[in-house]
C-alpha atoms as a PDB file:
ATOM      1  CA  MET A   1     -10.224  20.308  16.645  1.00  0.00           C
ATOM      2  CA  PHE A   2      -8.204  22.923  14.793  1.00  0.00           C
ATOM      3  CA  PRO A   3      -7.337  23.220  11.095  1.00  0.00           C
ATOM      4  CA  GLY A   4      -4.745  20.606  10.259  1.00  0.00           C
ATOM      5  CA  ASP A   5      -5.340  18.518  13.398  1.00  0.00           C
ATOM      6  CA  VAL A   6      -5.663  14.756  13.240  1.00  0.00           C
ATOM      7  CA  ALA A   7      -8.281  12.935  15.304  1.00  0.00           C
ATOM      8  CA  ASN A   8      -7.201  12.023  18.835  1.00  0.00           C
ATOM      9  CA  GLY A   9      -5.170   8.831  18.942  1.00  0.00           C
ATOM     10  CA  SER A  10      -4.417   8.882  15.235  1.00  0.00           C
ATOM     11  CA  SER A  11      -0.898   8.445  13.942  1.00  0.00           C
ATOM     12  CA  VAL A  12       1.080   9.334  10.873  1.00  0.00           C
ATOM     13  CA  GLU A  13       3.254   6.635   9.335  1.00  0.00           C
ATOM     14  CA  SER A  14       6.247   7.501   7.135  1.00  0.00           C
ATOM     15  CA  PHE A  15       8.326   5.011   5.163  1.00  0.00           C
ATOM     16  CA  HIS A  16      11.580   5.451   3.277  1.00  0.00           C
ATOM     17  CA  ARG A  17      11.502   6.095  -0.456  1.00  0.00           C
ATOM     18  CA  GLN A  18      14.303   4.235  -2.201  1.00  0.00           C
ATOM     19  CA  PRO A  19      16.506   6.365  -4.482  1.00  0.00           C
ATOM     20  CA  ALA A  20      15.650   5.863  -8.129  1.00  0.00           C
ATOM     21  CA  SER A  21      18.045   3.860 -10.289  1.00  0.00           C
ATOM     22  CA  ASP A  22      19.858   5.518 -13.193  1.00  0.00           C
ATOM     23  CA  SER A  23      17.467   3.946 -15.688  1.00  0.00           C
ATOM     24  CA  HIS A  24      14.461   5.256 -13.779  1.00  0.00           C
ATOM     25  CA  LYS A  25      16.067   8.702 -13.585  1.00  0.00           C
ATOM     26  CA  GLU A  26      16.603   8.747 -17.331  1.00  0.00           C
ATOM     27  CA  ALA A  27      13.033   7.613 -17.983  1.00  0.00           C
ATOM     28  CA  ALA A  28      11.668  10.264 -15.636  1.00  0.00           C
ATOM     29  CA  ALA A  29      13.785  12.965 -17.247  1.00  0.00           C
ATOM     30  CA  ALA A  30      12.611  11.926 -20.703  1.00  0.00           C
ATOM     31  CA  LYS A  31       8.963  11.997 -19.617  1.00  0.00           C
ATOM     32  CA  VAL A  32       9.277  15.431 -18.016  1.00  0.00           C
ATOM     33  CA  LEU A  33      11.100  16.752 -21.074  1.00  0.00           C
ATOM     34  CA  GLU A  34       8.334  15.426 -23.325  1.00  0.00           C
ATOM     35  CA  MET A  35       5.693  17.219 -21.229  1.00  0.00           C
ATOM     36  CA  LEU A  36       7.690  20.453 -21.238  1.00  0.00           C
ATOM     37  CA  GLN A  37       8.045  20.342 -25.014  1.00  0.00           C
ATOM     38  CA  LYS A  38       4.262  20.046 -25.320  1.00  0.00           C
ATOM     39  CA  HIS A  39       3.139  22.466 -22.622  1.00  0.00           C
ATOM     40  CA  GLY A  40       6.168  24.612 -21.835  1.00  0.00           C
ATOM     41  CA  LYS A  41       6.645  26.261 -25.190  1.00  0.00           C
ATOM     42  CA  GLY A  42       7.474  29.558 -23.508  1.00  0.00           C
ATOM     43  CA  LEU A  43      10.651  27.993 -22.087  1.00  0.00           C
ATOM     44  CA  SER A  44      13.921  27.747 -23.960  1.00  0.00           C
ATOM     45  CA  SER A  45      15.285  24.292 -24.771  1.00  0.00           C
ATOM     46  CA  VAL A  46      18.070  24.858 -22.238  1.00  0.00           C
ATOM     47  CA  ALA A  47      15.540  25.666 -19.499  1.00  0.00           C
ATOM     48  CA  GLN A  48      13.499  22.586 -20.377  1.00  0.00           C
ATOM     49  CA  GLN A  49      16.596  20.392 -20.111  1.00  0.00           C
ATOM     50  CA  GLN A  50      17.509  21.911 -16.731  1.00  0.00           C
ATOM     51  CA  ILE A  51      14.024  21.338 -15.293  1.00  0.00           C
ATOM     52  CA  ALA A  52      13.965  17.727 -16.499  1.00  0.00           C
ATOM     53  CA  LYS A  53      17.391  17.081 -14.956  1.00  0.00           C
ATOM     54  CA  ALA A  54      16.361  18.666 -11.634  1.00  0.00           C
ATOM     55  CA  VAL A  55      13.288  16.429 -11.414  1.00  0.00           C
ATOM     56  CA  ALA A  56      15.343  13.331 -12.201  1.00  0.00           C
ATOM     57  CA  ASP A  57      18.036  14.257  -9.676  1.00  0.00           C
ATOM     58  CA  SER A  58      15.426  14.789  -6.957  1.00  0.00           C
ATOM     59  CA  LEU A  59      14.384  11.151  -7.291  1.00  0.00           C
ATOM     60  CA  ALA A  60      17.852  10.088  -6.174  1.00  0.00           C
ATOM     61  CA  GLU A  61      17.948  12.226  -3.030  1.00  0.00           C
ATOM     62  CA  PRO A  62      17.980  10.098   0.148  1.00  0.00           C
ATOM     63  CA  GLU A  63      15.324  10.535   2.799  1.00  0.00           C
ATOM     64  CA  PRO A  64      16.212  11.819   6.308  1.00  0.00           C
ATOM     65  CA  PRO A  65      17.555   9.148   8.713  1.00  0.00           C
ATOM     66  CA  ASN A  66      14.331   8.776  10.665  1.00  0.00           C
ATOM     67  CA  ASN A  67      12.584   7.605   7.490  1.00  0.00           C
ATOM     68  CA  ARG A  68      15.040   4.834   6.569  1.00  0.00           C
ATOM     69  CA  PRO A  69      13.685   1.363   5.644  1.00  0.00           C
ATOM     70  CA  GLY A  70      11.999  -0.354   8.523  1.00  0.00           C
ATOM     71  CA  SER A  71      11.568   2.784  10.598  1.00  0.00           C
ATOM     72  CA  LEU A  72       8.122   4.032  11.579  1.00  0.00           C
ATOM     73  CA  THR A  73       7.366   7.561  12.694  1.00  0.00           C
ATOM     74  CA  THR A  74       4.273   7.863  14.876  1.00  0.00           C
ATOM     75  CA  ALA A  75       3.062  11.272  15.989  1.00  0.00           C
ATOM     76  CA  GLY A  76      -0.123  12.450  17.681  1.00  0.00           C
ATOM     77  CA  PHE A  77      -1.379  15.779  16.374  1.00  0.00           C
ATOM     78  CA  SER A  78      -4.644  16.110  18.280  1.00  0.00           C
ATOM     79  CA  ARG A  79      -3.479  18.763  20.750  1.00  0.00           C
ATOM     80  CA  ALA A  80      -1.066  21.667  20.843  1.00  0.00           C
ATOM     81  CA  ALA A  81       1.601  21.387  23.527  1.00  0.00           C
ATOM     82  CA  GLY A  82       0.364  22.534  26.921  1.00  0.00           C
ATOM     83  CA  ILE A  83      -3.327  22.441  26.000  1.00  0.00           C
ATOM     84  CA  ALA A  84      -5.308  20.201  28.320  1.00  0.00           C
ATOM     85  CA  ASP A  85      -8.197  18.007  27.275  1.00  0.00           C
ATOM     86  CA  GLY A  86     -11.388  20.035  27.238  1.00  0.00           C
ATOM     87  CA  ASP A  87      -9.592  23.296  26.410  1.00  0.00           C
ATOM     88  CA  ILE A  88      -9.830  25.217  23.128  1.00  0.00           C
ATOM     89  CA  LEU A  89      -7.024  27.340  21.700  1.00  0.00           C
ATOM     90  CA  ILE A  90      -8.599  30.461  20.161  1.00  0.00           C
ATOM     91  CA  PRO A  91      -6.677  32.993  18.037  1.00  0.00           C
ATOM     92  CA  GLN A  92      -7.066  36.662  18.902  1.00  0.00           C
ATOM     93  CA  TYR A  93      -7.004  38.811  15.774  1.00  0.00           C
ATOM     94  CA  ASP A  94      -5.871  42.394  15.424  1.00  0.00           C
ATOM     95  CA  ILE A  95      -9.293  43.588  14.298  1.00  0.00           C
ATOM     96  CA  ARG A  96     -11.320  46.436  15.744  1.00  0.00           C
ATOM     97  CA  ALA A  97     -14.984  46.014  14.908  1.00  0.00           C
ATOM     98  CA  ALA A  98     -16.611  49.363  15.551  1.00  0.00           C
ATOM     99  CA  MET A  99     -19.800  49.790  17.520  1.00  0.00           C
ATOM    100  CA  GLY A 100     -20.515  53.244  16.177  1.00  0.00           C
ATOM    101  CA  HIS A 101     -19.111  54.965  13.108  1.00  0.00           C
ATOM    102  CA  GLY A 102     -17.365  51.859  11.798  1.00  0.00           C
ATOM    103  CA  GLN A 103     -13.849  50.791  10.987  1.00  0.00           C
ATOM    104  CA  VAL A 104     -12.579  50.271   7.460  1.00  0.00           C
ATOM    105  CA  PRO A 105     -11.990  46.500   7.102  1.00  0.00           C
ATOM    106  CA  ALA A 106      -8.351  45.476   6.746  1.00  0.00           C
ATOM    107  CA  ASP A 107      -7.239  43.349   3.808  1.00  0.00           C
ATOM    108  CA  TYR A 108      -6.012  40.687   6.214  1.00  0.00           C
ATOM    109  CA  ALA A 109      -6.108  39.959   9.937  1.00  0.00           C
ATOM    110  CA  GLU A 110      -2.984  39.351  11.986  1.00  0.00           C
ATOM    111  CA  THR A 111      -3.019  36.959  14.917  1.00  0.00           C
ATOM    112  CA  ILE A 112      -1.595  38.771  17.932  1.00  0.00           C
ATOM    113  CA  ARG A 113      -1.856  35.911  20.419  1.00  0.00           C
ATOM    114  CA  ASN A 114      -3.768  32.757  21.275  1.00  0.00           C
ATOM    115  CA  VAL A 115      -6.061  32.382  24.261  1.00  0.00           C
ATOM    116  CA  VAL A 116      -7.208  29.192  25.939  1.00  0.00           C
ATOM    117  CA  ILE A 117     -10.776  28.718  27.095  1.00  0.00           C
ATOM    118  CA  SER A 118     -12.521  25.726  28.584  1.00  0.00           C
ATOM    119  CA  GLU A 119     -15.187  24.010  26.514  1.00  0.00           C
ATOM    120  CA  SER A 120     -17.113  23.469  29.735  1.00  0.00           C
ATOM    121  CA  LEU A 121     -17.271  27.241  30.332  1.00  0.00           C
ATOM    122  CA  LEU A 122     -18.873  27.781  26.933  1.00  0.00           C
ATOM    123  CA  LYS A 123     -21.264  24.916  27.585  1.00  0.00           C
ATOM    124  CA  ASP A 124     -22.196  26.305  31.012  1.00  0.00           C
ATOM    125  CA  LYS A 125     -22.984  29.659  29.379  1.00  0.00           C
ATOM    126  CA  GLY A 126     -25.233  27.946  26.838  1.00  0.00           C
ATOM    127  CA  VAL A 127     -22.937  28.952  23.985  1.00  0.00           C
ATOM    128  CA  THR A 128     -23.090  26.873  20.813  1.00  0.00           C
ATOM    129  CA  TYR A 129     -20.795  27.239  17.816  1.00  0.00           C
ATOM    130  CA  SER A 130     -20.250  25.736  14.385  1.00  0.00           C
ATOM    131  CA  SER A 131     -16.763  24.372  15.149  1.00  0.00           C
ATOM    132  CA  PRO A 132     -13.962  25.115  17.637  1.00  0.00           C
ATOM    133  CA  SER A 133     -11.720  25.956  14.670  1.00  0.00           C
ATOM    134  CA  HIS A 134     -14.112  28.772  13.705  1.00  0.00           C
ATOM    135  CA  LEU A 135     -13.802  30.561  17.044  1.00  0.00           C
ATOM    136  CA  ALA A 136     -11.811  33.790  17.283  1.00  0.00           C
ATOM    137  CA  VAL A 137     -11.354  36.745  19.624  1.00  0.00           C
ATOM    138  CA  ILE A 138     -11.649  40.327  18.346  1.00  0.00           C
ATOM    139  CA  THR A 139     -12.049  43.704  20.057  1.00  0.00           C
ATOM    140  CA  GLY A 140     -15.136  45.880  20.084  1.00  0.00           C
ATOM    141  CA  TRP A 141     -14.589  49.617  19.609  1.00  0.00           C
ATOM    142  CA  GLY A 142     -16.986  52.455  20.331  1.00  0.00           C
ATOM    143  CA  GLN A 143     -20.132  53.112  22.347  1.00  0.00           C
ATOM    144  CA  SER A 144     -23.121  52.126  20.213  1.00  0.00           C
ATOM    145  CA  MET A 145     -23.389  48.656  21.816  1.00  0.00           C
ATOM    146  CA  GLU A 146     -22.637  49.964  25.318  1.00  0.00           C
ATOM    147  CA  GLY A 147     -24.393  47.955  27.983  1.00  0.00           C
ATOM    148  CA  THR A 148     -23.890  44.746  26.026  1.00  0.00           C
ATOM    149  CA  ILE A 149     -20.388  45.243  24.619  1.00  0.00           C
ATOM    150  CA  ASN A 150     -18.375  48.110  26.017  1.00  0.00           C
ATOM    151  CA  ASP A 151     -15.523  49.978  24.363  1.00  0.00           C
ATOM    152  CA  LYS A 152     -12.415  47.771  23.958  1.00  0.00           C
ATOM    153  CA  ASP A 153     -14.176  44.642  25.232  1.00  0.00           C
ATOM    154  CA  PRO A 154     -12.748  41.452  23.703  1.00  0.00           C
ATOM    155  CA  VAL A 155     -15.483  39.239  22.270  1.00  0.00           C
ATOM    156  CA  ILE A 156     -15.539  35.615  21.123  1.00  0.00           C
ATOM    157  CA  VAL A 157     -17.037  35.190  17.662  1.00  0.00           C
ATOM    158  CA  ASP A 158     -17.969  32.256  15.436  1.00  0.00           C
ATOM    159  CA  ARG A 159     -16.451  32.792  11.976  1.00  0.00           C
ATOM    160  CA  GLY A 160     -18.410  29.810  10.679  1.00  0.00           C
ATOM    161  CA  VAL A 161     -21.605  31.890  10.653  1.00  0.00           C
ATOM    162  CA  ASN A 162     -21.617  33.938   7.446  1.00  0.00           C
ATOM    163  CA  GLU A 163     -25.325  34.525   7.010  1.00  0.00           C
ATOM    164  CA  TYR A 164     -28.255  35.748   9.066  1.00  0.00           C
ATOM    165  CA  VAL A 165     -29.451  32.856  11.236  1.00  0.00           C
ATOM    166  CA  GLY A 166     -31.838  34.752  13.501  1.00  0.00           C
ATOM    167  CA  ASP A 167     -31.797  37.608  15.981  1.00  0.00           C
ATOM    168  CA  GLY A 168     -28.374  38.130  17.489  1.00  0.00           C
ATOM    169  CA  VAL A 169     -25.194  40.184  17.497  1.00  0.00           C
ATOM    170  CA  TYR A 170     -22.999  39.893  14.407  1.00  0.00           C
ATOM    171  CA  VAL A 171     -19.746  41.191  12.968  1.00  0.00           C
ATOM    172  CA  ILE A 172     -20.713  42.792   9.666  1.00  0.00           C
ATOM    173  CA  THR A 173     -19.542  45.032   6.888  1.00  0.00           C
ATOM    174  CA  TRP A 174     -22.022  47.665   5.756  1.00  0.00           C
ATOM    175  CA  ALA A 175     -21.369  50.739   3.634  1.00  0.00           C
ATOM    176  CA  GLY A 176     -17.710  49.750   3.424  1.00  0.00           C
ATOM    177  CA  HIS A 177     -17.186  49.730   7.200  1.00  0.00           C
ATOM    178  CA  LEU A 178     -16.862  47.024   9.837  1.00  0.00           C
ATOM    179  CA  PHE A 179     -19.398  46.962  12.680  1.00  0.00           C
ATOM    180  CA  ILE A 180     -20.657  44.896  15.574  1.00  0.00           C
ATOM    181  CA  LYS A 181     -24.442  45.257  15.528  1.00  0.00           C
ATOM    182  CA  ARG A 182     -27.523  43.435  16.695  1.00  0.00           C
ATOM    183  CA  LEU A 183     -29.465  42.233  13.657  1.00  0.00           C
ATOM    184  CA  GLN A 184     -33.174  41.588  13.316  1.00  0.00           C
ATOM    185  CA  LEU A 185     -35.226  40.750  10.265  1.00  0.00           C
ATOM    186  CA  ALA A 186     -37.206  43.829   9.211  1.00  0.00           C
ATOM    187  CA  GLY A 187     -39.537  42.606   6.510  1.00  0.00           C
ATOM    188  CA  GLU A 188     -38.676  40.734   3.351  1.00  0.00           C
ATOM    189  CA  ASN A 189     -34.994  41.026   2.378  1.00  0.00           C
ATOM    190  CA  GLN A 190     -34.265  43.746   4.937  1.00  0.00           C
ATOM    191  CA  LEU A 191     -32.291  43.809   8.160  1.00  0.00           C
ATOM    192  CA  GLU A 192     -32.445  46.204  11.070  1.00  0.00           C
ATOM    193  CA  LEU A 193     -29.012  47.202  12.377  1.00  0.00           C
ATOM    194  CA  ILE A 194     -29.648  47.804  16.065  1.00  0.00           C
ATOM    195  CA  SER A 195     -27.415  49.661  18.519  1.00  0.00           C
ATOM    196  CA  ASP A 196     -28.034  48.509  22.097  1.00  0.00           C
ATOM    197  CA  ASN A 197     -27.088  51.996  23.300  1.00  0.00           C
ATOM    198  CA  PRO A 198     -30.335  54.028  22.924  1.00  0.00           C
ATOM    199  CA  ASN A 199     -28.311  57.152  22.140  1.00  0.00           C
ATOM    200  CA  HIS A 200     -27.372  55.658  18.778  1.00  0.00           C
ATOM    201  CA  LYS A 201     -29.679  55.408  15.790  1.00  0.00           C
ATOM    202  CA  ASP A 202     -30.897  52.088  14.405  1.00  0.00           C
ATOM    203  CA  ARG A 203     -31.057  51.552  10.645  1.00  0.00           C
ATOM    204  CA  ILE A 204     -33.051  49.374   8.281  1.00  0.00           C
ATOM    205  CA  VAL A 205     -31.025  48.358   5.238  1.00  0.00           C
ATOM    206  CA  PRO A 206     -31.353  45.891   2.343  1.00  0.00           C
ATOM    207  CA  MET A 207     -30.050  42.469   3.326  1.00  0.00           C
ATOM    208  CA  ASP A 208     -27.832  42.248   0.253  1.00  0.00           C
ATOM    209  CA  GLU A 209     -25.924  45.357   1.392  1.00  0.00           C
ATOM    210  CA  VAL A 210     -24.777  43.596   4.563  1.00  0.00           C
ATOM    211  CA  THR A 211     -21.862  41.151   4.623  1.00  0.00           C
ATOM    212  CA  ILE A 212     -21.859  38.928   7.697  1.00  0.00           C
ATOM    213  CA  HIS A 213     -18.401  37.831   8.847  1.00  0.00           C
ATOM    214  CA  ALA A 214     -19.198  36.160  12.172  1.00  0.00           C
ATOM    215  CA  LYS A 215     -21.698  35.851  15.000  1.00  0.00           C
ATOM    216  CA  VAL A 216     -20.770  37.218  18.419  1.00  0.00           C
ATOM    217  CA  LEU A 217     -21.097  34.544  21.095  1.00  0.00           C
ATOM    218  CA  LEU A 218     -19.605  35.905  24.284  1.00  0.00           C
ATOM    219  CA  VAL A 219     -18.119  39.072  25.714  1.00  0.00           C
ATOM    220  CA  TRP A 220     -14.757  38.317  27.348  1.00  0.00           C
ATOM    221  CA  SER A 221     -16.301  39.236  30.693  1.00  0.00           C
ATOM    222  CA  ALA A 222     -18.231  35.971  30.138  1.00  0.00           C
ATOM    223  CA  LYS A 223     -21.519  37.773  29.510  1.00  0.00           C
ATOM    224  CA  LYS A 224     -23.674  35.969  26.964  1.00  0.00           C
ATOM    225  CA  VAL A 225     -25.208  38.073  24.163  1.00  0.00           C
END
């Protein structure tokens, strides 16, 4: 399931809203005006009158034809068009998580495309995740995880994992930079940031200095990590 989806087989029913009568419009306008006079003191009296009239007028607007009395709109929202049962639509984000010196995290991530992957493939690889809607694809960048994740390898991550849940590879921010690193607990309240490439130095840092954004589940070459 994806954000905003409705369970398979569910439907949405829409019925027509009758236009309000003139008396109802006047009552609504009076009520809105009363509220504006109490809570909208920063508005001029003219502005208050205009807002009240707009609300009242909106009650008289007819609904679209497909919502007229007696009509019923039924729509299934369980799947995007062209996505077969057992497939998951995963967004690929324009994020480069560095495996080396680190990338400065962007303020927002842009979706550059969607990819489709079979749930059965993930199951066959022994991959578990918090929710299909939390899955995303990002790109690794650098050499420090070489051998596990190579430069420019796409990886599938679980954005529902935002804390350390045991040894594994995570997408993290540390020292103001974005990394993909293997994490291990290194004593009380400390984490070891491990580079799988032995030519790169590992670090032990306080746990509260590390922000975990996601857990890496699979390299796009279908190699489990």
